[in-house]
N, C-alpha and C. Protein backbone atom coordinates (compact mmCIF):
# COMPACT_ATOMS: atom_id res chain seq x y z
N MET A 1 75.15 -42.00 43.85
CA MET A 1 74.98 -41.30 42.59
C MET A 1 73.95 -42.00 41.71
N CYS A 2 73.96 -43.34 41.69
CA CYS A 2 72.98 -44.09 40.91
C CYS A 2 71.57 -43.80 41.39
N ALA A 3 71.38 -43.77 42.71
CA ALA A 3 70.07 -43.48 43.27
C ALA A 3 69.62 -42.08 42.88
N GLN A 4 70.56 -41.12 42.90
CA GLN A 4 70.21 -39.76 42.55
C GLN A 4 69.84 -39.65 41.09
N ASN A 5 70.59 -40.33 40.21
CA ASN A 5 70.27 -40.30 38.79
C ASN A 5 68.89 -40.89 38.52
N GLU A 6 68.56 -41.99 39.21
CA GLU A 6 67.25 -42.60 39.05
C GLU A 6 66.15 -41.66 39.52
N LEU A 7 66.38 -40.98 40.65
CA LEU A 7 65.41 -40.04 41.18
C LEU A 7 65.18 -38.90 40.20
N MET A 8 66.26 -38.41 39.59
CA MET A 8 66.14 -37.31 38.64
C MET A 8 65.36 -37.72 37.40
N LEU A 9 65.58 -38.91 36.90
CA LEU A 9 64.89 -39.38 35.70
C LEU A 9 63.39 -39.48 35.96
N GLN A 10 63.01 -40.07 37.09
CA GLN A 10 61.60 -40.20 37.43
C GLN A 10 60.97 -38.82 37.66
N ALA A 11 61.72 -37.93 38.28
CA ALA A 11 61.19 -36.60 38.57
C ALA A 11 60.95 -35.83 37.29
N SER A 12 61.83 -35.98 36.30
CA SER A 12 61.67 -35.29 35.02
C SER A 12 60.38 -35.72 34.34
N ASP A 13 60.09 -37.02 34.36
CA ASP A 13 58.85 -37.53 33.76
C ASP A 13 57.63 -36.96 34.49
N LEU A 14 57.72 -36.88 35.81
CA LEU A 14 56.62 -36.37 36.61
C LEU A 14 56.37 -34.91 36.28
N GLN A 15 57.43 -34.12 36.21
CA GLN A 15 57.26 -32.70 35.96
C GLN A 15 56.62 -32.44 34.60
N ASP A 16 57.07 -33.15 33.58
CA ASP A 16 56.50 -32.95 32.25
C ASP A 16 55.00 -33.18 32.26
N ARG A 17 54.54 -34.21 32.97
CA ARG A 17 53.11 -34.51 33.04
C ARG A 17 52.36 -33.44 33.82
N VAL A 18 52.92 -33.02 34.96
CA VAL A 18 52.24 -32.03 35.80
C VAL A 18 52.12 -30.70 35.08
N LEU A 19 53.17 -30.26 34.43
CA LEU A 19 53.12 -28.99 33.72
C LEU A 19 52.06 -29.01 32.63
N GLN A 20 51.94 -30.14 31.95
CA GLN A 20 50.93 -30.26 30.91
C GLN A 20 49.52 -30.21 31.51
N ASP A 21 49.34 -30.88 32.64
CA ASP A 21 48.02 -30.92 33.29
C ASP A 21 47.62 -29.54 33.79
N ARG A 22 48.57 -28.76 34.28
CA ARG A 22 48.24 -27.48 34.90
C ARG A 22 48.07 -26.35 33.87
N GLY A 23 48.46 -26.57 32.63
CA GLY A 23 48.13 -25.63 31.58
C GLY A 23 49.12 -24.52 31.32
N PHE A 24 50.26 -24.50 31.96
CA PHE A 24 51.28 -23.52 31.59
C PHE A 24 52.65 -24.15 31.76
N THR A 25 53.59 -23.67 30.99
CA THR A 25 54.92 -24.28 30.98
C THR A 25 56.00 -23.32 31.43
N SER A 26 55.66 -22.10 31.79
CA SER A 26 56.68 -21.14 32.22
C SER A 26 56.08 -20.19 33.24
N GLU A 27 56.90 -19.78 34.20
CA GLU A 27 56.46 -18.81 35.19
C GLU A 27 56.78 -17.38 34.77
N ALA A 28 57.37 -17.22 33.58
CA ALA A 28 57.70 -15.88 33.09
C ALA A 28 56.43 -15.05 32.93
N GLY A 29 56.47 -13.84 33.45
CA GLY A 29 55.32 -12.96 33.30
C GLY A 29 54.23 -13.16 34.34
N ILE A 30 54.45 -14.05 35.30
CA ILE A 30 53.46 -14.28 36.35
C ILE A 30 53.87 -13.52 37.61
N ALA A 31 52.99 -12.67 38.11
CA ALA A 31 53.31 -11.88 39.30
C ALA A 31 53.31 -12.78 40.54
N GLY A 32 54.08 -12.36 41.55
CA GLY A 32 54.15 -13.13 42.79
C GLY A 32 55.10 -14.30 42.67
N THR A 33 55.07 -15.16 43.67
CA THR A 33 55.98 -16.31 43.69
C THR A 33 55.30 -17.51 44.34
N PRO A 34 55.61 -18.72 43.87
CA PRO A 34 55.08 -19.92 44.52
C PRO A 34 56.05 -20.51 45.53
N TYR A 35 57.18 -19.81 45.79
CA TYR A 35 58.23 -20.37 46.62
C TYR A 35 58.23 -19.80 48.04
N VAL A 36 58.45 -20.68 49.02
CA VAL A 36 58.64 -20.23 50.39
C VAL A 36 59.90 -19.38 50.47
N ASN A 37 60.98 -19.85 49.85
CA ASN A 37 62.23 -19.10 49.72
C ASN A 37 62.64 -19.12 48.26
N GLU A 38 62.97 -17.97 47.71
CA GLU A 38 63.35 -17.89 46.29
C GLU A 38 64.66 -18.61 46.01
N THR A 39 65.57 -18.61 46.99
CA THR A 39 66.90 -19.16 46.77
C THR A 39 66.93 -20.66 47.05
N ASN A 40 67.57 -21.41 46.18
CA ASN A 40 67.80 -22.83 46.43
C ASN A 40 68.80 -22.99 47.57
N THR A 41 68.50 -23.84 48.53
CA THR A 41 69.43 -24.15 49.61
C THR A 41 69.56 -25.67 49.72
N GLU A 42 70.60 -26.12 50.40
CA GLU A 42 70.83 -27.57 50.47
C GLU A 42 69.82 -28.23 51.39
N GLY A 43 69.16 -29.24 50.85
CA GLY A 43 68.22 -30.03 51.62
C GLY A 43 68.64 -31.48 51.63
N SER A 44 68.12 -32.24 52.58
CA SER A 44 68.41 -33.68 52.68
C SER A 44 67.14 -34.46 52.42
N PHE A 45 67.20 -35.35 51.43
CA PHE A 45 66.07 -36.21 51.08
C PHE A 45 66.34 -37.60 51.65
N PHE A 46 65.52 -38.00 52.61
CA PHE A 46 65.69 -39.30 53.25
C PHE A 46 64.75 -40.30 52.55
N LEU A 47 65.35 -41.27 51.87
CA LEU A 47 64.55 -42.24 51.14
C LEU A 47 64.14 -43.39 52.04
N SER A 48 63.11 -44.10 51.62
CA SER A 48 62.60 -45.21 52.41
C SER A 48 63.61 -46.33 52.57
N ASN A 49 64.54 -46.43 51.62
CA ASN A 49 65.57 -47.48 51.70
C ASN A 49 66.79 -47.03 52.50
N LYS A 50 66.64 -45.93 53.26
CA LYS A 50 67.66 -45.37 54.16
C LYS A 50 68.73 -44.56 53.44
N THR A 51 68.66 -44.46 52.11
CA THR A 51 69.59 -43.61 51.38
C THR A 51 69.28 -42.15 51.66
N VAL A 52 70.32 -41.32 51.79
CA VAL A 52 70.14 -39.89 52.00
C VAL A 52 70.75 -39.15 50.81
N ILE A 53 69.95 -38.33 50.13
CA ILE A 53 70.42 -37.56 48.99
C ILE A 53 70.40 -36.09 49.36
N LYS A 54 71.55 -35.45 49.23
CA LYS A 54 71.65 -34.01 49.50
C LYS A 54 71.63 -33.27 48.17
N SER A 55 70.81 -32.24 48.10
CA SER A 55 70.68 -31.49 46.85
C SER A 55 70.19 -30.08 47.14
N LEU A 56 70.60 -29.13 46.29
CA LEU A 56 70.02 -27.80 46.38
C LEU A 56 68.56 -27.91 45.96
N THR A 57 67.68 -27.28 46.74
CA THR A 57 66.25 -27.45 46.48
C THR A 57 65.49 -26.25 47.03
N ARG A 58 64.23 -26.16 46.66
CA ARG A 58 63.31 -25.17 47.24
C ARG A 58 61.90 -25.73 47.11
N LEU A 59 61.01 -25.26 47.99
CA LEU A 59 59.65 -25.77 48.03
C LEU A 59 58.74 -24.91 47.16
N ASN A 60 58.15 -25.54 46.16
CA ASN A 60 57.20 -24.87 45.28
C ASN A 60 55.79 -25.16 45.80
N CYS A 61 55.16 -24.16 46.40
CA CYS A 61 53.86 -24.39 47.06
C CYS A 61 52.70 -24.41 46.08
N TYR A 62 52.93 -24.09 44.82
CA TYR A 62 51.88 -24.27 43.83
C TYR A 62 51.69 -25.74 43.53
N TYR A 63 52.80 -26.45 43.39
CA TYR A 63 52.75 -27.89 43.14
C TYR A 63 52.70 -28.70 44.43
N GLY A 64 53.02 -28.07 45.56
CA GLY A 64 53.08 -28.83 46.81
C GLY A 64 54.23 -29.81 46.79
N ASN A 65 55.35 -29.41 46.21
CA ASN A 65 56.47 -30.34 46.03
C ASN A 65 57.78 -29.56 45.99
N PHE A 66 58.86 -30.29 46.25
CA PHE A 66 60.20 -29.72 46.15
C PHE A 66 60.68 -29.83 44.72
N GLU A 67 61.54 -28.89 44.34
CA GLU A 67 62.13 -28.96 43.01
C GLU A 67 63.63 -28.74 43.10
N PHE A 68 64.33 -29.18 42.06
CA PHE A 68 65.77 -28.99 41.99
C PHE A 68 66.15 -28.83 40.54
N VAL A 69 67.38 -28.36 40.29
CA VAL A 69 67.86 -28.11 38.94
C VAL A 69 68.92 -29.13 38.57
N SER A 70 68.77 -29.74 37.40
CA SER A 70 69.76 -30.67 36.87
C SER A 70 69.93 -30.39 35.38
N LYS A 71 71.17 -30.14 34.99
CA LYS A 71 71.50 -29.84 33.59
C LYS A 71 70.66 -28.69 33.05
N GLY A 72 70.47 -27.69 33.90
CA GLY A 72 69.78 -26.48 33.48
C GLY A 72 68.27 -26.58 33.41
N LYS A 73 67.69 -27.70 33.84
CA LYS A 73 66.25 -27.90 33.78
C LYS A 73 65.70 -28.11 35.18
N ILE A 74 64.55 -27.50 35.45
CA ILE A 74 63.90 -27.64 36.75
C ILE A 74 63.11 -28.94 36.79
N HIS A 75 63.30 -29.71 37.86
CA HIS A 75 62.58 -30.97 38.05
C HIS A 75 61.78 -30.92 39.34
N LEU A 76 60.60 -31.53 39.33
CA LEU A 76 59.88 -31.78 40.56
C LEU A 76 60.31 -33.13 41.10
N VAL A 77 60.46 -33.23 42.40
CA VAL A 77 60.89 -34.47 43.03
C VAL A 77 59.82 -35.54 42.86
N ASN A 78 60.24 -36.76 42.56
CA ASN A 78 59.31 -37.89 42.54
C ASN A 78 59.07 -38.30 43.99
N THR A 79 57.82 -38.22 44.44
CA THR A 79 57.50 -38.45 45.85
C THR A 79 57.60 -39.92 46.26
N ALA A 80 57.56 -40.83 45.30
CA ALA A 80 57.60 -42.26 45.62
C ALA A 80 58.93 -42.61 46.28
N GLY A 81 58.87 -43.29 47.41
CA GLY A 81 60.08 -43.75 48.07
C GLY A 81 60.76 -42.73 48.96
N ILE A 82 60.17 -41.55 49.13
CA ILE A 82 60.76 -40.53 50.01
C ILE A 82 60.11 -40.60 51.37
N ASP A 83 60.93 -40.77 52.40
CA ASP A 83 60.43 -40.84 53.77
C ASP A 83 60.20 -39.44 54.33
N SER A 84 61.19 -38.55 54.15
CA SER A 84 61.08 -37.19 54.66
C SER A 84 62.12 -36.30 53.99
N VAL A 85 61.95 -35.00 54.17
CA VAL A 85 62.87 -34.01 53.62
C VAL A 85 63.20 -33.02 54.73
N LYS A 86 64.47 -32.71 54.89
CA LYS A 86 64.89 -31.72 55.88
C LYS A 86 65.47 -30.52 55.15
N LEU A 87 64.91 -29.34 55.43
CA LEU A 87 65.34 -28.12 54.76
C LEU A 87 65.19 -26.94 55.71
N ASP A 88 66.25 -26.16 55.85
CA ASP A 88 66.23 -24.94 56.67
C ASP A 88 65.71 -25.20 58.09
N GLY A 89 66.11 -26.33 58.67
CA GLY A 89 65.74 -26.63 60.04
C GLY A 89 64.35 -27.22 60.22
N SER A 90 63.59 -27.34 59.14
CA SER A 90 62.24 -27.93 59.22
C SER A 90 62.23 -29.29 58.56
N VAL A 91 61.31 -30.15 58.99
CA VAL A 91 61.15 -31.48 58.42
C VAL A 91 59.82 -31.53 57.68
N TYR A 92 59.86 -32.08 56.47
CA TYR A 92 58.66 -32.23 55.66
C TYR A 92 58.45 -33.70 55.33
N VAL A 93 57.19 -34.07 55.20
CA VAL A 93 56.82 -35.41 54.75
C VAL A 93 55.77 -35.24 53.66
N TYR A 94 55.55 -36.30 52.91
CA TYR A 94 54.51 -36.26 51.88
C TYR A 94 53.28 -36.99 52.39
N ARG A 95 52.14 -36.32 52.31
CA ARG A 95 50.88 -36.91 52.71
C ARG A 95 49.83 -36.64 51.63
N SER A 96 48.97 -37.63 51.41
CA SER A 96 47.91 -37.48 50.40
C SER A 96 46.63 -36.97 51.05
N PHE A 97 46.12 -35.86 50.56
CA PHE A 97 44.86 -35.31 51.00
C PHE A 97 44.34 -34.43 49.87
N SER A 98 43.18 -33.83 50.06
CA SER A 98 42.54 -33.17 48.93
C SER A 98 42.03 -31.78 49.26
N PRO A 99 42.92 -30.76 49.29
CA PRO A 99 42.44 -29.39 49.50
C PRO A 99 41.83 -28.79 48.25
N ASP A 100 42.13 -29.37 47.08
CA ASP A 100 41.68 -28.81 45.81
C ASP A 100 40.99 -29.84 44.92
N GLY A 101 40.55 -30.95 45.51
CA GLY A 101 39.87 -31.97 44.73
C GLY A 101 40.79 -33.02 44.14
N GLN A 102 42.10 -32.84 44.30
CA GLN A 102 43.06 -33.79 43.77
C GLN A 102 43.80 -34.46 44.92
N ASN A 103 43.49 -35.70 45.16
CA ASN A 103 44.07 -36.42 46.28
C ASN A 103 45.44 -36.97 45.90
N GLN A 104 46.44 -36.09 45.94
CA GLN A 104 47.81 -36.45 45.55
C GLN A 104 48.76 -36.14 46.70
N PRO A 105 49.91 -36.84 46.74
CA PRO A 105 50.90 -36.55 47.79
C PRO A 105 51.41 -35.11 47.69
N LYS A 106 51.45 -34.43 48.81
CA LYS A 106 51.93 -33.06 48.86
C LYS A 106 52.88 -32.91 50.04
N ALA A 107 53.85 -32.04 49.89
CA ALA A 107 54.82 -31.80 50.96
C ALA A 107 54.17 -30.97 52.06
N VAL A 108 54.21 -31.49 53.28
CA VAL A 108 53.65 -30.77 54.44
C VAL A 108 54.72 -30.70 55.53
N LYS A 109 54.74 -29.57 56.24
CA LYS A 109 55.74 -29.38 57.29
C LYS A 109 55.27 -30.04 58.58
N VAL A 110 56.17 -30.77 59.21
CA VAL A 110 55.85 -31.43 60.48
C VAL A 110 55.84 -30.38 61.60
N ILE A 111 54.70 -30.23 62.26
CA ILE A 111 54.59 -29.35 63.41
C ILE A 111 54.88 -30.12 64.69
N GLU A 112 54.34 -31.34 64.78
CA GLU A 112 54.55 -32.19 65.95
C GLU A 112 54.21 -33.63 65.58
N ARG A 113 54.95 -34.58 66.16
CA ARG A 113 54.64 -36.00 65.99
C ARG A 113 54.56 -36.67 67.34
N LYS A 114 53.58 -37.56 67.49
CA LYS A 114 53.42 -38.38 68.68
C LYS A 114 53.16 -39.80 68.21
N GLY A 115 54.21 -40.59 68.11
CA GLY A 115 54.06 -41.95 67.61
C GLY A 115 53.56 -41.95 66.19
N SER A 116 52.41 -42.58 65.93
CA SER A 116 51.84 -42.62 64.59
C SER A 116 50.93 -41.43 64.30
N ASN A 117 50.80 -40.52 65.26
CA ASN A 117 49.94 -39.35 65.10
C ASN A 117 50.80 -38.12 64.78
N GLY A 118 50.20 -37.14 64.11
CA GLY A 118 50.97 -35.95 63.79
C GLY A 118 50.10 -34.76 63.43
N ILE A 119 50.69 -33.57 63.57
CA ILE A 119 50.10 -32.32 63.12
C ILE A 119 51.01 -31.76 62.03
N TYR A 120 50.43 -31.37 60.90
CA TYR A 120 51.22 -30.86 59.77
C TYR A 120 50.65 -29.55 59.26
N GLU A 121 51.52 -28.76 58.66
CA GLU A 121 51.10 -27.50 58.04
C GLU A 121 51.29 -27.59 56.53
N PHE A 122 50.26 -27.20 55.79
CA PHE A 122 50.34 -27.18 54.33
C PHE A 122 50.19 -25.75 53.84
N ARG A 123 51.19 -25.27 53.12
CA ARG A 123 51.14 -23.93 52.52
C ARG A 123 50.75 -24.08 51.06
N GLN A 124 49.74 -23.34 50.63
CA GLN A 124 49.22 -23.48 49.28
C GLN A 124 49.24 -22.15 48.54
N VAL A 125 49.55 -22.24 47.25
CA VAL A 125 49.51 -21.08 46.36
C VAL A 125 48.58 -21.41 45.20
N GLU A 126 47.71 -20.48 44.87
CA GLU A 126 46.81 -20.66 43.74
C GLU A 126 47.28 -19.83 42.55
N TYR A 127 47.07 -20.37 41.36
CA TYR A 127 47.42 -19.65 40.14
C TYR A 127 46.18 -18.95 39.61
N LYS A 128 46.27 -17.62 39.47
CA LYS A 128 45.18 -16.83 38.94
C LYS A 128 45.54 -16.37 37.53
N PRO A 129 44.74 -16.77 36.52
CA PRO A 129 45.08 -16.41 35.15
C PRO A 129 44.93 -14.91 34.89
N GLU A 130 45.50 -14.45 33.83
CA GLU A 130 45.44 -13.04 33.45
C GLU A 130 43.99 -12.62 33.19
N VAL A 131 43.67 -11.40 33.63
CA VAL A 131 42.36 -10.80 33.34
C VAL A 131 42.58 -9.67 32.35
N LYS A 132 41.96 -9.78 31.21
CA LYS A 132 42.12 -8.76 30.18
C LYS A 132 41.12 -7.63 30.38
N ALA A 133 41.51 -6.41 30.00
CA ALA A 133 40.65 -5.25 30.14
C ALA A 133 39.44 -5.37 29.24
N GLY A 134 38.34 -4.84 29.73
CA GLY A 134 37.13 -4.85 28.92
C GLY A 134 35.97 -4.26 29.69
N GLY A 135 35.28 -3.32 29.08
CA GLY A 135 34.16 -2.70 29.76
C GLY A 135 34.59 -2.02 31.05
N PHE A 136 33.99 -2.46 32.17
CA PHE A 136 34.35 -1.91 33.48
C PHE A 136 35.38 -2.77 34.20
N ILE A 137 36.02 -3.67 33.49
CA ILE A 137 36.99 -4.59 34.09
C ILE A 137 38.40 -4.08 33.89
N ASP A 138 39.14 -3.91 35.00
CA ASP A 138 40.54 -3.51 34.91
C ASP A 138 41.41 -4.72 34.62
N PRO A 139 42.45 -4.54 33.82
CA PRO A 139 43.33 -5.68 33.52
C PRO A 139 44.15 -6.08 34.73
N LYS A 140 44.38 -7.37 34.86
CA LYS A 140 45.24 -7.89 35.92
C LYS A 140 46.17 -8.95 35.33
N PRO A 141 47.45 -8.91 35.73
CA PRO A 141 48.37 -9.93 35.20
C PRO A 141 48.12 -11.27 35.86
N ALA A 142 48.54 -12.33 35.21
CA ALA A 142 48.50 -13.64 35.85
C ALA A 142 49.35 -13.57 37.11
N CYS A 143 48.94 -14.27 38.16
CA CYS A 143 49.68 -14.16 39.41
C CYS A 143 49.54 -15.42 40.25
N PHE A 144 50.48 -15.57 41.19
CA PHE A 144 50.39 -16.59 42.23
C PHE A 144 49.85 -15.92 43.48
N GLU A 145 48.81 -16.51 44.07
CA GLU A 145 48.16 -15.92 45.25
C GLU A 145 48.23 -16.89 46.41
N TRP A 146 48.79 -16.44 47.54
CA TRP A 146 48.94 -17.30 48.71
C TRP A 146 47.62 -17.46 49.45
N VAL A 147 47.40 -18.66 49.92
CA VAL A 147 46.19 -19.01 50.69
C VAL A 147 46.62 -19.24 52.14
N ASP A 148 45.71 -18.98 53.09
CA ASP A 148 46.03 -19.23 54.50
C ASP A 148 46.46 -20.69 54.69
N PRO A 149 47.43 -20.94 55.58
CA PRO A 149 47.88 -22.31 55.81
C PRO A 149 46.75 -23.23 56.23
N VAL A 150 46.86 -24.48 55.82
CA VAL A 150 45.91 -25.52 56.21
C VAL A 150 46.64 -26.46 57.18
N TYR A 151 46.00 -26.81 58.28
CA TYR A 151 46.61 -27.72 59.24
C TYR A 151 45.93 -29.08 59.17
N LEU A 152 46.74 -30.11 59.22
CA LEU A 152 46.27 -31.48 59.07
C LEU A 152 46.52 -32.26 60.34
N LEU A 153 45.61 -33.17 60.61
CA LEU A 153 45.77 -34.10 61.73
C LEU A 153 45.87 -35.51 61.17
N GLU A 154 46.91 -36.23 61.58
CA GLU A 154 47.07 -37.63 61.17
C GLU A 154 46.90 -38.51 62.41
N VAL A 155 46.00 -39.46 62.31
CA VAL A 155 45.77 -40.42 63.39
C VAL A 155 45.73 -41.81 62.78
N LYS A 156 46.78 -42.59 63.06
CA LYS A 156 46.84 -43.97 62.59
C LYS A 156 46.55 -44.07 61.10
N ASP A 157 47.32 -43.32 60.30
CA ASP A 157 47.26 -43.35 58.83
C ASP A 157 46.02 -42.68 58.25
N LYS A 158 45.20 -42.05 59.07
CA LYS A 158 44.07 -41.28 58.55
C LYS A 158 44.43 -39.80 58.60
N ILE A 159 44.17 -39.09 57.50
CA ILE A 159 44.50 -37.68 57.41
C ILE A 159 43.22 -36.86 57.29
N VAL A 160 43.08 -35.84 58.14
CA VAL A 160 41.93 -34.93 58.03
C VAL A 160 42.44 -33.50 58.06
N MET A 161 41.76 -32.63 57.32
CA MET A 161 42.05 -31.20 57.38
C MET A 161 41.29 -30.62 58.56
N LEU A 162 41.98 -29.90 59.41
CA LEU A 162 41.37 -29.37 60.63
C LEU A 162 40.59 -28.09 60.32
N LYS A 163 39.28 -28.25 60.13
CA LYS A 163 38.42 -27.12 59.82
C LYS A 163 37.52 -26.75 60.99
N ASN A 164 37.08 -27.76 61.73
CA ASN A 164 36.16 -27.53 62.84
C ASN A 164 36.25 -28.69 63.82
N VAL A 165 35.45 -28.63 64.88
CA VAL A 165 35.48 -29.67 65.91
C VAL A 165 35.10 -31.03 65.33
N LYS A 166 34.15 -31.04 64.43
CA LYS A 166 33.66 -32.30 63.85
C LYS A 166 34.77 -33.05 63.11
N SER A 167 35.71 -32.30 62.51
CA SER A 167 36.79 -32.96 61.78
C SER A 167 37.66 -33.79 62.72
N VAL A 168 37.65 -33.46 64.01
CA VAL A 168 38.40 -34.23 65.01
C VAL A 168 37.53 -35.34 65.60
N THR A 169 36.31 -34.99 66.00
CA THR A 169 35.46 -35.97 66.68
C THR A 169 35.05 -37.12 65.77
N ASP A 170 35.03 -36.91 64.46
CA ASP A 170 34.70 -38.00 63.54
C ASP A 170 35.72 -39.13 63.63
N LEU A 171 36.93 -38.81 64.06
CA LEU A 171 37.97 -39.83 64.21
C LEU A 171 37.83 -40.59 65.53
N PHE A 172 37.15 -39.96 66.49
CA PHE A 172 37.00 -40.56 67.81
C PHE A 172 35.54 -40.49 68.25
N PRO A 173 34.65 -41.18 67.56
CA PRO A 173 33.21 -41.08 67.90
C PRO A 173 32.88 -41.46 69.34
N LYS A 174 33.64 -42.37 69.93
CA LYS A 174 33.38 -42.79 71.31
C LYS A 174 33.81 -41.73 72.33
N ASN A 175 34.67 -40.81 71.89
CA ASN A 175 35.17 -39.77 72.80
C ASN A 175 34.69 -38.38 72.39
N GLU A 176 33.61 -38.34 71.64
CA GLU A 176 33.15 -37.06 71.07
C GLU A 176 32.93 -35.99 72.14
N GLU A 177 32.20 -36.29 73.18
CA GLU A 177 31.87 -35.28 74.19
C GLU A 177 33.12 -34.82 74.94
N ALA A 178 34.01 -35.77 75.25
CA ALA A 178 35.24 -35.42 75.97
C ALA A 178 36.11 -34.50 75.12
N ILE A 179 36.20 -34.79 73.82
CA ILE A 179 37.01 -33.97 72.92
C ILE A 179 36.42 -32.58 72.79
N LYS A 180 35.09 -32.50 72.64
CA LYS A 180 34.44 -31.19 72.55
C LYS A 180 34.71 -30.37 73.81
N LYS A 181 34.64 -31.02 74.95
CA LYS A 181 34.89 -30.33 76.22
C LYS A 181 36.33 -29.83 76.30
N TYR A 182 37.28 -30.68 75.88
CA TYR A 182 38.69 -30.28 75.93
C TYR A 182 38.95 -29.10 75.01
N ILE A 183 38.41 -29.16 73.81
CA ILE A 183 38.63 -28.09 72.83
C ILE A 183 38.04 -26.78 73.34
N LYS A 184 36.87 -26.85 73.95
CA LYS A 184 36.23 -25.63 74.46
C LYS A 184 36.98 -25.06 75.65
N GLU A 185 37.31 -25.92 76.62
CA GLU A 185 37.98 -25.44 77.84
C GLU A 185 39.38 -24.91 77.57
N ASN A 186 40.05 -25.47 76.57
CA ASN A 186 41.43 -25.05 76.27
C ASN A 186 41.51 -24.08 75.10
N ARG A 187 40.34 -23.66 74.63
CA ARG A 187 40.27 -22.66 73.56
C ARG A 187 41.17 -23.04 72.38
N ILE A 188 41.01 -24.26 71.91
CA ILE A 188 41.83 -24.75 70.81
C ILE A 188 41.42 -24.05 69.52
N ASN A 189 42.37 -23.36 68.92
CA ASN A 189 42.16 -22.65 67.66
C ASN A 189 42.82 -23.47 66.55
N PHE A 190 42.05 -23.83 65.52
CA PHE A 190 42.55 -24.72 64.48
C PHE A 190 43.51 -24.05 63.51
N SER A 191 43.85 -22.79 63.75
CA SER A 191 44.84 -22.11 62.93
C SER A 191 46.08 -21.72 63.73
N LYS A 192 46.15 -22.20 64.99
CA LYS A 192 47.27 -21.88 65.87
C LYS A 192 48.09 -23.14 66.16
N PRO A 193 49.31 -23.27 65.59
CA PRO A 193 50.12 -24.47 65.78
C PRO A 193 50.34 -24.85 67.23
N ASP A 194 50.60 -23.88 68.10
CA ASP A 194 50.86 -24.19 69.51
C ASP A 194 49.63 -24.83 70.17
N LYS A 195 48.45 -24.34 69.84
CA LYS A 195 47.22 -24.92 70.38
C LYS A 195 47.01 -26.34 69.83
N LEU A 196 47.36 -26.53 68.56
CA LEU A 196 47.18 -27.83 67.94
C LEU A 196 48.13 -28.87 68.52
N LYS A 197 49.30 -28.42 68.97
CA LYS A 197 50.22 -29.34 69.65
C LYS A 197 49.59 -29.88 70.92
N ARG A 198 48.90 -29.01 71.65
CA ARG A 198 48.23 -29.44 72.89
C ARG A 198 47.11 -30.43 72.57
N LEU A 199 46.39 -30.16 71.49
CA LEU A 199 45.32 -31.07 71.08
C LEU A 199 45.89 -32.43 70.71
N LEU A 200 47.04 -32.44 70.03
CA LEU A 200 47.67 -33.70 69.65
C LEU A 200 48.09 -34.48 70.89
N ASP A 201 48.64 -33.79 71.88
CA ASP A 201 49.02 -34.46 73.14
C ASP A 201 47.80 -35.14 73.75
N TYR A 202 46.67 -34.44 73.73
CA TYR A 202 45.46 -34.96 74.37
C TYR A 202 44.92 -36.19 73.61
N ILE A 203 44.73 -36.07 72.31
CA ILE A 203 44.11 -37.19 71.58
C ILE A 203 45.05 -38.38 71.46
N SER A 204 46.35 -38.16 71.60
CA SER A 204 47.30 -39.27 71.54
C SER A 204 47.19 -40.17 72.77
N GLN A 205 46.50 -39.68 73.81
CA GLN A 205 46.31 -40.47 75.02
C GLN A 205 44.98 -41.22 75.02
N LEU A 206 44.15 -40.97 74.01
CA LEU A 206 42.83 -41.60 73.98
C LEU A 206 42.93 -43.07 73.57
């Protein structure tokens, strides 16, 4: 209970800062949703000190973080000290990368792990402000807009977003030609998790 209370206090401070930085304090009146699942379900937060905290939670893909409710207030989880999160049969970890120019820890779903290497999926939601009517412009409400998933490759603590062949070969300059050949012969698609699992198996042997 003490660990949970401490986690909640730190998370409250984090949320207040993030909400101020992002420019809005309420989701009322915003079309769409930033949540993978609207309903809070029980998740397990595995801390680095081996403590396990169970709490009702849901993943907010606008912030790239889990949130929970305490005393009627929504809190974002403080990512410091969290090893992993298990929710609805999936495992999530926090990794720092920069899809939007801000290199901050974000919750990513584990697709596959091979030792210190891994493939992760990041789901992102963008906030689109309200468009007011004027001239030939039709009005549009503020909304949350989903972006195609981003897949990440982790190799020995290095994280890259999988956009093209070069994003992989830059990690293995000595094996560049072999990797290019493998990707071509096996038709590796950087948006297909099953194909990326095969790629992870291959590069984990290099």
